[in-house]
Amino acid sequence: MSRSSPFGSVKLPVAVLGATGAVGQAFVRLLVNHPWFDLVEVAASERSTGRTYDEATRWIGDDIIPARVAKLVVQACDPKSVRAPIVFSALDSAVAGEAEAAFAKAGRAVLSNARNYRMEPDVPLVIAEVNPDHLEILEVQRKNRGWKGAIVTNGNCAAITAVLPLAPLHERFGVTQVFAATMQAVSGAGYPGVASLDILGNVIPFIKDEEPNVESESRKFLGRRGAGRIDDASITVSAHTSRVPVEHGHTVVMSVALERKADISEVEEAISTWRGASEACGLPSSPERPLVLSEQPDRPQPRRDVNAGNGMTVTVGRVRRDTLLDVKLVALGHNIIRGAAGASVLNAELMAATGRMERP
């Protein structure tokens, strides 16, 4: 059952930065009819400012631009132009660092999809069901940086897909080592993304910066709050990342070493019964089950499973004994929804539900 809004009948005004890109458009879709938030502003680069959203945007997908958003005038990504107290950032990392800091300094809550601040020790890197307590570091962030606002980040799309099934295993048995290989959808490269002659009938075994991001972010997600910082989990992670000719859905195959040895039946039970932190249950974007364990031997598959839980559920399959480590499995998540815009929206809902956003 979905929780009632912490703001009563009033919705909290929000804005999207980088609203014309692929992730920005996903934010628009998720926010336009949101029960708690009211999308009142969109912002983008200088070439789009001053135009209406439908004029500035090459809309991707088989739906149409929501009528209420289509006529919004695109603003500059500047806190003097965008007045909403909550901003969702789909900005490219080349510009996100400076812009997001400016909004935080201006007292806004920034829910960022960019990588710029993810590994800062005083910035929460949050999966709502996994580590909601990391939001408590925000007071340290404000003190350290001298601003009244906040930056909260969601992770790399492949790291989120990997960490969701790792979380119950780490809670129950302790995870010590992870070997992960990803098969990542072309939509993860943005739009227009990878040239068709490069990706059709091909696999590209390199995605810039992706492997170190998966390795470092996984440790931070599963880490603990220390003295004024987030301390990484003591887990060794080795990642290989590849781009494959799939539209949506990142597939991660993992071998995992456990501190406390477990039968495969115990591992499957830990995954299938896990619902995550209670704080994240019943939020508007929360799936009924953040993890679904498939019993079919050839699943998960992007074409069949990527939209599970409205794109917010990670599907896990092929859980079996590993001859090198302890257990191996396959995980699939929607890279644009659970791995990007949906993760940020869920983090904002978590902040609202736990009293970390001011009432309008």
Protein backbone atom coordinates (compact mmCIF):
# COMPACT_ATOMS: atom_id res chain seq x y z
CA MET A 1 0.00 0.00 0.00
CA SER A 2 1.36 3.40 -1.02
CA ARG A 3 1.97 5.93 1.73
CA SER A 4 0.07 9.20 1.85
CA SER A 5 1.98 12.34 1.00
CA PRO A 6 3.93 13.94 3.87
CA PHE A 7 2.79 17.29 2.44
CA GLY A 8 -0.92 16.58 2.61
CA SER A 9 -2.85 17.80 -0.43
CA VAL A 10 -0.10 20.23 -1.49
CA LYS A 11 2.57 19.05 -3.94
CA LEU A 12 6.20 20.11 -3.67
CA PRO A 13 7.44 22.09 -6.72
CA VAL A 14 10.33 20.42 -8.55
CA ALA A 15 12.49 21.08 -11.60
CA VAL A 16 14.54 18.94 -13.98
CA LEU A 17 18.01 20.04 -15.10
CA GLY A 18 19.18 18.59 -18.40
CA ALA A 19 15.54 17.95 -19.22
CA THR A 20 15.95 17.53 -22.99
CA GLY A 21 18.25 14.47 -22.86
CA ALA A 22 17.31 10.81 -22.54
CA VAL A 23 17.48 10.68 -18.73
CA GLY A 24 15.90 14.13 -18.47
CA GLN A 25 12.96 12.87 -20.52
CA ALA A 26 12.65 9.89 -18.18
CA PHE A 27 12.46 12.32 -15.26
CA VAL A 28 9.66 14.19 -17.05
CA ARG A 29 7.69 10.97 -17.56
CA LEU A 30 8.07 9.97 -13.91
CA LEU A 31 7.29 13.39 -12.45
CA VAL A 32 4.51 14.76 -14.63
CA ASN A 33 1.74 12.96 -12.70
CA HIS A 34 3.62 12.32 -9.47
CA PRO A 35 1.37 12.29 -6.36
CA TRP A 36 3.86 14.19 -4.15
CA PHE A 37 5.81 16.41 -6.57
CA ASP A 38 4.72 19.03 -9.07
CA LEU A 39 6.99 19.44 -12.11
CA VAL A 40 6.95 23.20 -12.67
CA GLU A 41 10.27 23.94 -14.41
CA VAL A 42 12.60 22.40 -16.97
CA ALA A 43 16.13 23.56 -17.69
CA ALA A 44 18.81 22.70 -20.23
CA SER A 45 21.82 24.07 -22.09
CA GLU A 46 22.06 27.53 -23.69
CA ARG A 47 20.99 26.23 -27.12
CA SER A 48 17.61 25.22 -25.63
CA THR A 49 16.88 28.09 -23.22
CA GLY A 50 14.06 30.42 -24.13
CA ARG A 51 12.33 27.83 -26.31
CA THR A 52 9.34 25.78 -25.29
CA TYR A 53 10.12 22.26 -24.15
CA ASP A 54 8.52 20.64 -27.19
CA GLU A 55 10.50 22.92 -29.51
CA ALA A 56 13.79 22.20 -27.74
CA THR A 57 13.40 18.44 -27.28
CA ARG A 58 13.82 15.56 -29.67
CA TRP A 59 11.45 13.28 -27.79
CA ILE A 60 12.54 9.64 -27.60
CA GLY A 61 9.99 6.86 -27.39
CA ASP A 62 6.57 5.93 -28.71
CA ASP A 63 4.62 8.22 -26.36
CA ILE A 64 4.16 11.96 -26.76
CA ILE A 65 5.44 14.85 -24.66
CA PRO A 66 2.98 15.46 -21.80
CA ALA A 67 0.88 18.46 -22.79
CA ARG A 68 1.43 20.25 -19.48
CA VAL A 69 5.19 20.09 -19.90
CA ALA A 70 5.35 20.71 -23.65
CA LYS A 71 4.68 24.44 -23.32
CA LEU A 72 7.02 25.09 -20.40
CA VAL A 73 9.79 27.49 -21.38
CA VAL A 74 13.23 25.94 -20.96
CA GLN A 75 15.26 27.81 -18.36
CA ALA A 76 19.02 28.13 -17.88
CA CYS A 77 20.58 25.68 -15.41
CA ASP A 78 21.08 28.42 -12.86
CA PRO A 79 19.45 28.87 -9.43
CA LYS A 80 18.56 32.45 -10.40
CA SER A 81 16.42 31.11 -13.25
CA VAL A 82 15.11 27.89 -11.69
CA ARG A 83 13.26 28.58 -8.43
CA ALA A 84 11.93 25.17 -7.41
CA PRO A 85 13.26 23.98 -4.02
CA ILE A 86 13.92 20.47 -5.37
CA VAL A 87 15.89 19.85 -8.56
CA PHE A 88 16.53 16.57 -10.34
CA SER A 89 19.78 16.67 -12.28
CA ALA A 90 20.24 14.75 -15.52
CA LEU A 91 23.17 16.96 -16.46
CA ASP A 92 26.25 15.65 -18.20
CA SER A 93 29.22 15.33 -15.87
CA ALA A 94 31.07 17.98 -17.87
CA VAL A 95 28.78 20.66 -16.43
CA ALA A 96 27.06 18.96 -13.49
CA GLY A 97 29.72 19.64 -10.87
CA GLU A 98 29.55 23.43 -10.97
CA ALA A 99 25.80 23.65 -11.62
CA GLU A 100 24.76 21.25 -8.85
CA ALA A 101 27.00 22.97 -6.32
CA ALA A 102 25.42 26.32 -7.23
CA PHE A 103 21.95 24.97 -6.51
CA ALA A 104 23.05 23.43 -3.21
CA LYS A 105 24.65 26.74 -2.19
CA ALA A 106 21.35 28.44 -3.03
CA GLY A 107 19.57 26.17 -0.54
CA ARG A 108 18.07 23.65 -2.95
CA ALA A 109 17.96 19.88 -2.58
CA VAL A 110 19.71 18.36 -5.60
CA LEU A 111 18.94 14.76 -6.58
CA SER A 112 21.77 14.00 -8.97
CA ASN A 113 22.19 11.34 -11.62
CA ALA A 114 25.68 12.63 -12.49
CA ARG A 115 28.87 11.00 -11.24
CA ASN A 116 30.65 14.17 -10.09
CA TYR A 117 29.89 13.93 -6.34
CA ARG A 118 29.14 10.21 -5.93
CA MET A 119 32.43 9.31 -4.29
CA GLU A 120 32.75 12.37 -2.06
CA PRO A 121 32.86 11.09 1.55
CA ASP A 122 30.19 13.56 2.74
CA VAL A 123 27.77 13.01 -0.15
CA PRO A 124 25.20 10.21 0.18
CA LEU A 125 25.23 7.66 -2.65
CA VAL A 126 21.86 6.05 -2.07
CA ILE A 127 19.74 3.11 -3.14
CA ALA A 128 16.61 3.68 -1.08
CA GLU A 129 16.13 0.03 -0.11
CA VAL A 130 19.82 -0.57 0.64
CA ASN A 131 21.33 2.33 2.58
CA PRO A 132 18.76 4.99 3.56
CA ASP A 133 20.75 5.74 6.73
CA HIS A 134 23.50 7.28 4.57
CA LEU A 135 21.22 10.33 4.24
CA GLU A 136 22.19 11.19 7.81
CA ILE A 137 25.53 12.41 6.47
CA LEU A 138 23.76 15.44 4.95
CA GLU A 139 24.26 17.53 8.09
CA VAL A 140 28.00 16.90 7.82
CA GLN A 141 27.87 17.85 4.15
CA ARG A 142 26.17 21.17 4.95
CA LYS A 143 28.67 21.93 7.69
CA ASN A 144 31.68 20.99 5.57
CA ARG A 145 30.59 22.93 2.50
CA GLY A 146 28.84 25.88 4.12
CA TRP A 147 25.59 25.52 2.23
CA LYS A 148 21.98 25.09 3.32
CA GLY A 149 21.00 22.84 0.44
CA ALA A 150 22.12 19.28 -0.26
CA ILE A 151 23.38 16.95 -2.94
CA VAL A 152 22.18 13.35 -2.89
CA THR A 153 23.36 11.03 -5.65
CA ASN A 154 22.12 7.83 -7.18
CA GLY A 155 24.68 5.46 -8.60
CA ASN A 156 25.99 4.19 -11.86
CA CYS A 157 23.25 2.22 -13.62
CA ALA A 158 25.23 -1.04 -13.71
CA ALA A 159 26.33 -0.64 -10.09
CA ILE A 160 22.72 -0.27 -8.93
CA THR A 161 21.73 -3.45 -10.77
CA ALA A 162 24.64 -5.33 -9.19
CA VAL A 163 24.23 -4.00 -5.65
CA LEU A 164 20.53 -4.74 -5.23
CA PRO A 165 21.06 -8.55 -5.20
CA LEU A 166 24.35 -8.18 -3.35
CA ALA A 167 22.65 -6.30 -0.49
CA PRO A 168 20.69 -9.24 0.98
CA LEU A 169 23.71 -11.51 0.56
CA HIS A 170 25.94 -9.02 2.39
CA GLU A 171 23.35 -8.61 5.16
CA ARG A 172 22.87 -12.35 5.63
CA PHE A 173 26.26 -13.90 4.88
CA GLY A 174 28.81 -11.12 4.36
CA VAL A 175 30.25 -10.52 0.89
CA THR A 176 34.04 -10.48 0.58
CA GLN A 177 34.73 -10.67 -3.16
CA VAL A 178 32.76 -9.96 -6.33
CA PHE A 179 33.64 -10.62 -9.95
CA ALA A 180 31.15 -8.85 -12.24
CA ALA A 181 30.81 -8.71 -16.01
CA THR A 182 28.19 -6.44 -17.53
CA MET A 183 26.29 -6.43 -20.81
CA GLN A 184 24.98 -2.87 -21.01
CA ALA A 185 22.21 -1.49 -23.21
CA VAL A 186 22.87 1.22 -25.78
CA SER A 187 20.44 3.61 -24.07
CA GLY A 188 23.00 3.86 -21.28
CA ALA A 189 25.17 5.87 -23.67
CA GLY A 190 22.53 8.59 -24.00
CA TYR A 191 21.08 9.86 -27.27
CA PRO A 192 22.08 9.43 -30.08
CA GLY A 193 24.49 7.11 -28.25
CA VAL A 194 26.52 4.48 -30.07
CA ALA A 195 26.66 4.60 -33.87
CA SER A 196 24.60 1.79 -35.41
CA LEU A 197 27.50 0.47 -37.50
CA ASP A 198 29.53 0.09 -34.30
CA ILE A 199 26.96 -1.78 -32.23
CA LEU A 200 24.73 -3.81 -34.56
CA GLY A 201 25.82 -7.44 -34.50
CA ASN A 202 28.69 -6.47 -32.21
CA VAL A 203 29.91 -6.25 -28.62
CA ILE A 204 32.08 -3.33 -27.51
CA PRO A 205 34.21 -4.47 -24.53
CA PHE A 206 34.97 -0.97 -23.25
CA ILE A 207 32.87 1.78 -21.66
CA LYS A 208 34.89 4.78 -20.52
CA ASP A 209 35.22 5.04 -16.72
CA GLU A 210 32.58 2.36 -16.19
CA GLU A 211 34.68 -0.38 -14.59
CA PRO A 212 36.21 1.75 -11.81
CA ASN A 213 32.81 3.32 -11.18
CA VAL A 214 31.12 -0.06 -10.70
CA GLU A 215 33.93 -1.20 -8.41
CA SER A 216 34.08 1.88 -6.19
CA GLU A 217 30.37 2.65 -6.02
CA SER A 218 29.47 -0.91 -5.04
CA ARG A 219 31.75 -0.63 -2.01
CA LYS A 220 30.27 2.72 -1.00
CA PHE A 221 26.65 1.55 -1.37
CA LEU A 222 27.35 -1.37 0.95
CA GLY A 223 29.49 0.67 3.36
CA ARG A 224 28.61 2.21 6.70
CA ARG A 225 28.37 5.66 8.19
CA GLY A 226 31.61 6.52 9.94
CA ALA A 227 32.74 9.62 11.81
CA GLY A 228 31.48 12.36 9.50
CA ARG A 229 31.81 10.26 6.34
CA ILE A 230 30.72 7.09 4.59
CA ASP A 231 33.24 4.26 4.98
CA ASP A 232 33.40 1.77 2.13
CA ALA A 233 32.65 -1.91 2.68
CA SER A 234 35.71 -4.16 2.77
CA ILE A 235 34.78 -5.95 -0.42
CA THR A 236 37.09 -6.62 -3.36
CA VAL A 237 35.22 -5.94 -6.62
CA SER A 238 36.53 -6.70 -10.11
CA ALA A 239 34.39 -5.51 -13.03
CA HIS A 240 34.39 -5.95 -16.80
CA THR A 241 31.93 -3.77 -18.73
CA SER A 242 30.68 -4.15 -22.31
CA ARG A 243 28.13 -2.44 -24.55
CA VAL A 244 25.74 -4.79 -26.35
CA PRO A 245 22.98 -4.29 -28.99
CA VAL A 246 20.08 -4.13 -26.51
CA GLU A 247 17.86 -1.03 -26.23
CA HIS A 248 17.16 -1.02 -22.48
CA GLY A 249 18.40 -3.22 -19.65
CA HIS A 250 21.81 -3.81 -18.12
CA THR A 251 22.63 -7.46 -17.46
CA VAL A 252 25.26 -8.24 -14.82
CA VAL A 253 26.71 -11.71 -14.31
CA MET A 254 28.43 -12.08 -10.94
CA SER A 255 30.49 -14.56 -8.97
CA VAL A 256 30.43 -13.82 -5.24
CA ALA A 257 32.55 -14.99 -2.29
CA LEU A 258 30.73 -15.16 1.05
CA GLU A 259 32.18 -14.73 4.52
CA ARG A 260 29.75 -17.31 5.92
CA LYS A 261 29.25 -20.22 3.57
CA ALA A 262 25.69 -20.91 2.49
CA ASP A 263 23.76 -23.47 0.50
CA ILE A 264 22.25 -22.31 -2.77
CA SER A 265 18.80 -22.72 -1.24
CA GLU A 266 19.78 -20.26 1.51
CA VAL A 267 21.07 -17.78 -1.06
CA GLU A 268 17.89 -18.03 -3.11
CA GLU A 269 15.78 -17.59 0.01
CA ALA A 270 17.75 -14.49 1.03
CA ILE A 271 17.18 -12.92 -2.39
CA SER A 272 13.54 -13.91 -2.86
CA THR A 273 12.38 -12.75 0.59
CA TRP A 274 14.33 -9.47 0.71
CA ARG A 275 12.23 -6.32 0.67
CA GLY A 276 14.90 -3.81 1.68
CA ALA A 277 14.80 -1.09 4.31
CA SER A 278 11.40 -0.36 5.79
CA GLU A 279 11.85 3.37 5.13
CA ALA A 280 11.68 2.67 1.39
CA CYS A 281 8.54 0.53 1.45
CA GLY A 282 5.28 1.95 0.15
CA LEU A 283 6.75 5.06 -1.47
CA PRO A 284 5.10 6.12 -4.76
CA SER A 285 7.98 4.78 -6.88
CA SER A 286 8.79 1.75 -4.73
CA PRO A 287 8.15 -1.56 -6.47
CA GLU A 288 6.27 -4.15 -4.46
CA ARG A 289 9.43 -6.24 -4.68
CA PRO A 290 12.81 -4.63 -5.43
CA LEU A 291 14.17 -8.09 -6.29
CA VAL A 292 12.42 -10.92 -8.11
CA LEU A 293 14.02 -14.35 -8.34
CA SER A 294 13.27 -16.14 -11.59
CA GLU A 295 13.16 -19.93 -11.52
CA GLN A 296 13.36 -20.26 -15.30
CA PRO A 297 16.79 -21.45 -16.49
CA ASP A 298 17.10 -18.89 -19.30
CA ARG A 299 16.04 -15.75 -17.40
CA PRO A 300 16.38 -12.84 -16.85
CA GLN A 301 16.25 -11.47 -20.39
CA PRO A 302 16.04 -7.75 -21.25
CA ARG A 303 13.21 -8.20 -23.75
CA ARG A 304 11.06 -10.06 -21.24
CA ASP A 305 12.05 -8.75 -17.82
CA VAL A 306 13.34 -5.18 -18.08
CA ASN A 307 10.02 -3.53 -17.20
CA ALA A 308 9.36 -5.59 -14.07
CA GLY A 309 7.96 -3.43 -11.30
CA ASN A 310 7.47 -0.54 -13.75
CA GLY A 311 11.21 -0.69 -14.41
CA MET A 312 12.12 -0.49 -10.72
CA THR A 313 12.52 -4.22 -10.00
CA VAL A 314 15.80 -6.05 -10.59
CA THR A 315 15.27 -9.61 -11.80
CA VAL A 316 17.75 -12.26 -10.63
CA GLY A 317 18.23 -15.73 -12.07
CA ARG A 318 20.59 -18.66 -12.56
CA VAL A 319 21.69 -18.77 -8.92
CA ARG A 320 24.14 -21.64 -8.67
CA ARG A 321 27.34 -22.87 -7.08
CA ASP A 322 30.53 -21.23 -8.34
CA THR A 323 33.68 -23.31 -8.79
CA LEU A 324 36.04 -20.41 -8.03
CA LEU A 325 34.17 -18.39 -5.42
CA ASP A 326 30.93 -19.45 -3.69
CA VAL A 327 27.87 -18.51 -5.73
CA LYS A 328 27.14 -17.04 -9.14
CA LEU A 329 24.03 -15.37 -10.53
CA VAL A 330 22.62 -13.11 -13.25
CA ALA A 331 20.89 -9.77 -12.53
CA LEU A 332 18.97 -7.48 -14.89
CA GLY A 333 17.81 -3.91 -14.26
CA HIS A 334 16.32 -1.10 -16.32
CA ASN A 335 19.21 1.30 -16.76
CA ILE A 336 17.12 4.43 -17.43
CA ILE A 337 14.50 3.86 -14.71
CA ARG A 338 15.97 1.89 -11.78
CA GLY A 339 19.49 2.82 -12.84
CA ALA A 340 18.92 6.55 -13.37
CA ALA A 341 15.78 8.73 -13.19
CA GLY A 342 13.67 6.33 -11.14
CA ALA A 343 16.44 5.95 -8.57
CA SER A 344 16.62 9.73 -8.08
CA VAL A 345 12.86 10.10 -7.78
CA LEU A 346 12.75 7.29 -5.22
CA ASN A 347 15.56 8.97 -3.26
CA ALA A 348 13.56 12.21 -3.22
CA GLU A 349 10.50 10.35 -1.95
CA LEU A 350 12.66 8.77 0.74
CA MET A 351 13.93 12.20 1.81
CA ALA A 352 10.38 13.54 1.95
CA ALA A 353 9.06 10.56 3.90
CA THR A 354 11.86 10.80 6.48
CA GLY A 355 11.43 14.53 7.09
CA ARG A 356 14.44 15.73 5.08
CA MET A 357 12.44 18.09 2.84
CA GLU A 358 10.66 21.20 3.98
CA ARG A 359 6.94 21.46 3.56
CA PRO A 360 5.82 23.89 0.84
